[in-house]
Amino acid sequence: MVVRKQMEKEKVDVDSLIDQGAKVKADEQLSTKQWVIVNLRISTAMLKEVDDAVGNRVGITRTGWILEAIHEKLKE
C-alpha cells in the first residue's frame, strides 16, 4: 500500500524572481566562442553595392568584405 503525503506548495515572490533575472545562454556562449553568427538586415540597394565592391576584388567573399569594412571602421 502506498501512502501519499500531500506536499505544501512553496510560495514564491514572482516579482523578485523576475527582477533577479537569469543568465542568458547567448551571453555565456559569447564568452567561450571566438566567432558568433550575427543576422544583419540591410537594404537590397546596399547589398547590391556591397556585391559590386566584392566583385571588383579577387579572393574575397561578401562576408570577408563586410568584416574588413567593420575592422576599418573600428580602427578610426
C-alpha atoms as a PDB file:
ATOM      1  CA  MET A   1       0.000   0.000   0.000  1.00  0.00           C
ATOM      2  CA  VAL A   2       1.316   3.427  -0.989  1.00  0.00           C
ATOM      3  CA  VAL A   3       0.941   6.286   1.436  1.00  0.00           C
ATOM      4  CA  ARG A   4       0.937   9.695  -0.154  1.00  0.00           C
ATOM      5  CA  LYS A   5       1.751  12.769   1.811  1.00  0.00           C
ATOM      6  CA  GLN A   6       0.469  15.999   0.342  1.00  0.00           C
ATOM      7  CA  MET A   7       3.311  18.449  -0.120  1.00  0.00           C
ATOM      8  CA  GLU A   8       2.857  22.069   0.764  1.00  0.00           C
ATOM      9  CA  LYS A   9       3.458  24.396  -2.126  1.00  0.00           C
ATOM     10  CA  GLU A  10       6.259  26.851  -1.560  1.00  0.00           C
ATOM     11  CA  LYS A  11       5.147  30.429  -2.055  1.00  0.00           C
ATOM     12  CA  VAL A  12       7.359  32.294  -4.481  1.00  0.00           C
ATOM     13  CA  ASP A  13       7.642  36.061  -4.776  1.00  0.00           C
ATOM     14  CA  VAL A  14       7.249  36.273  -8.534  1.00  0.00           C
ATOM     15  CA  ASP A  15       8.257  39.942  -8.792  1.00  0.00           C
ATOM     16  CA  SER A  16      11.569  39.413  -7.012  1.00  0.00           C
ATOM     17  CA  LEU A  17      12.209  36.337  -9.115  1.00  0.00           C
ATOM     18  CA  ILE A  18      11.673  38.345 -12.296  1.00  0.00           C
ATOM     19  CA  ASP A  19      13.840  41.222 -11.012  1.00  0.00           C
ATOM     20  CA  GLN A  20      16.607  38.761 -10.191  1.00  0.00           C
ATOM     21  CA  GLY A  21      16.728  37.533 -13.767  1.00  0.00           C
ATOM     22  CA  ALA A  22      18.834  34.687 -15.015  1.00  0.00           C
ATOM     23  CA  LYS A  23      21.887  34.115 -17.122  1.00  0.00           C
ATOM     24  CA  VAL A  24      21.174  34.198 -20.811  1.00  0.00           C
ATOM     25  CA  LYS A  25      22.592  31.285 -22.747  1.00  0.00           C
ATOM     26  CA  ALA A  26      23.751  33.586 -25.543  1.00  0.00           C
ATOM     27  CA  ASP A  27      25.801  35.648 -23.063  1.00  0.00           C
ATOM     28  CA  GLU A  28      27.587  32.533 -21.882  1.00  0.00           C
ATOM     29  CA  GLN A  29      28.304  31.497 -25.461  1.00  0.00           C
ATOM     30  CA  LEU A  30      29.797  34.893 -26.301  1.00  0.00           C
ATOM     31  CA  SER A  31      32.492  34.430 -23.700  1.00  0.00           C
ATOM     32  CA  THR A  32      33.511  30.959 -24.857  1.00  0.00           C
ATOM     33  CA  LYS A  33      33.260  31.206 -28.649  1.00  0.00           C
ATOM     34  CA  GLN A  34      35.678  33.079 -30.844  1.00  0.00           C
ATOM     35  CA  TRP A  35      33.144  33.582 -33.653  1.00  0.00           C
ATOM     36  CA  VAL A  36      29.427  34.336 -33.347  1.00  0.00           C
ATOM     37  CA  ILE A  37      26.793  34.336 -36.072  1.00  0.00           C
ATOM     38  CA  VAL A  38      25.057  37.710 -36.456  1.00  0.00           C
ATOM     39  CA  ASN A  39      21.993  38.294 -38.592  1.00  0.00           C
ATOM     40  CA  LEU A  40      22.210  41.569 -40.480  1.00  0.00           C
ATOM     41  CA  ARG A  41      19.363  43.385 -42.193  1.00  0.00           C
ATOM     42  CA  ILE A  42      20.349  45.809 -44.929  1.00  0.00           C
ATOM     43  CA  SER A  43      18.519  47.220 -47.900  1.00  0.00           C
ATOM     44  CA  THR A  44      18.701  45.456 -51.239  1.00  0.00           C
ATOM     45  CA  ALA A  45      20.307  48.555 -52.751  1.00  0.00           C
ATOM     46  CA  MET A  46      23.104  48.498 -50.161  1.00  0.00           C
ATOM     47  CA  LEU A  47      23.599  44.758 -50.677  1.00  0.00           C
ATOM     48  CA  LYS A  48      23.947  45.397 -54.413  1.00  0.00           C
ATOM     49  CA  GLU A  49      26.655  47.993 -53.674  1.00  0.00           C
ATOM     50  CA  VAL A  50      28.461  45.502 -51.420  1.00  0.00           C
ATOM     51  CA  ASP A  51      28.240  42.800 -54.083  1.00  0.00           C
ATOM     52  CA  ASP A  52      29.578  45.223 -56.711  1.00  0.00           C
ATOM     53  CA  ALA A  53      32.521  46.105 -54.451  1.00  0.00           C
ATOM     54  CA  VAL A  54      33.197  42.424 -53.751  1.00  0.00           C
ATOM     55  CA  GLY A  55      33.008  41.647 -57.456  1.00  0.00           C
ATOM     56  CA  ASN A  56      35.799  44.126 -58.114  1.00  0.00           C
ATOM     57  CA  ARG A  57      38.184  42.188 -55.855  1.00  0.00           C
ATOM     58  CA  VAL A  58      39.552  38.706 -56.356  1.00  0.00           C
ATOM     59  CA  GLY A  59      39.636  36.215 -53.492  1.00  0.00           C
ATOM     60  CA  ILE A  60      37.246  37.848 -51.041  1.00  0.00           C
ATOM     61  CA  THR A  61      33.743  36.829 -50.068  1.00  0.00           C
ATOM     62  CA  ARG A  62      30.849  39.083 -49.196  1.00  0.00           C
ATOM     63  CA  THR A  63      31.278  38.162 -45.529  1.00  0.00           C
ATOM     64  CA  GLY A  64      35.013  38.828 -45.696  1.00  0.00           C
ATOM     65  CA  TRP A  65      34.405  42.209 -47.275  1.00  0.00           C
ATOM     66  CA  ILE A  66      31.868  43.179 -44.582  1.00  0.00           C
ATOM     67  CA  LEU A  67      34.275  42.049 -41.826  1.00  0.00           C
ATOM     68  CA  GLU A  68      37.050  44.091 -43.436  1.00  0.00           C
ATOM     69  CA  ALA A  69      34.783  47.156 -43.561  1.00  0.00           C
ATOM     70  CA  ILE A  70      33.841  46.735 -39.896  1.00  0.00           C
ATOM     71  CA  HIS A  71      37.500  46.343 -38.969  1.00  0.00           C
ATOM     72  CA  GLU A  72      38.442  49.523 -40.845  1.00  0.00           C
ATOM     73  CA  LYS A  73      35.632  51.455 -39.140  1.00  0.00           C
ATOM     74  CA  LEU A  74      36.702  50.226 -35.702  1.00  0.00           C
ATOM     75  CA  LYS A  75      40.300  51.383 -36.321  1.00  0.00           C
ATOM     76  CA  GLU A  76      39.125  55.016 -36.747  1.00  0.00           C
END
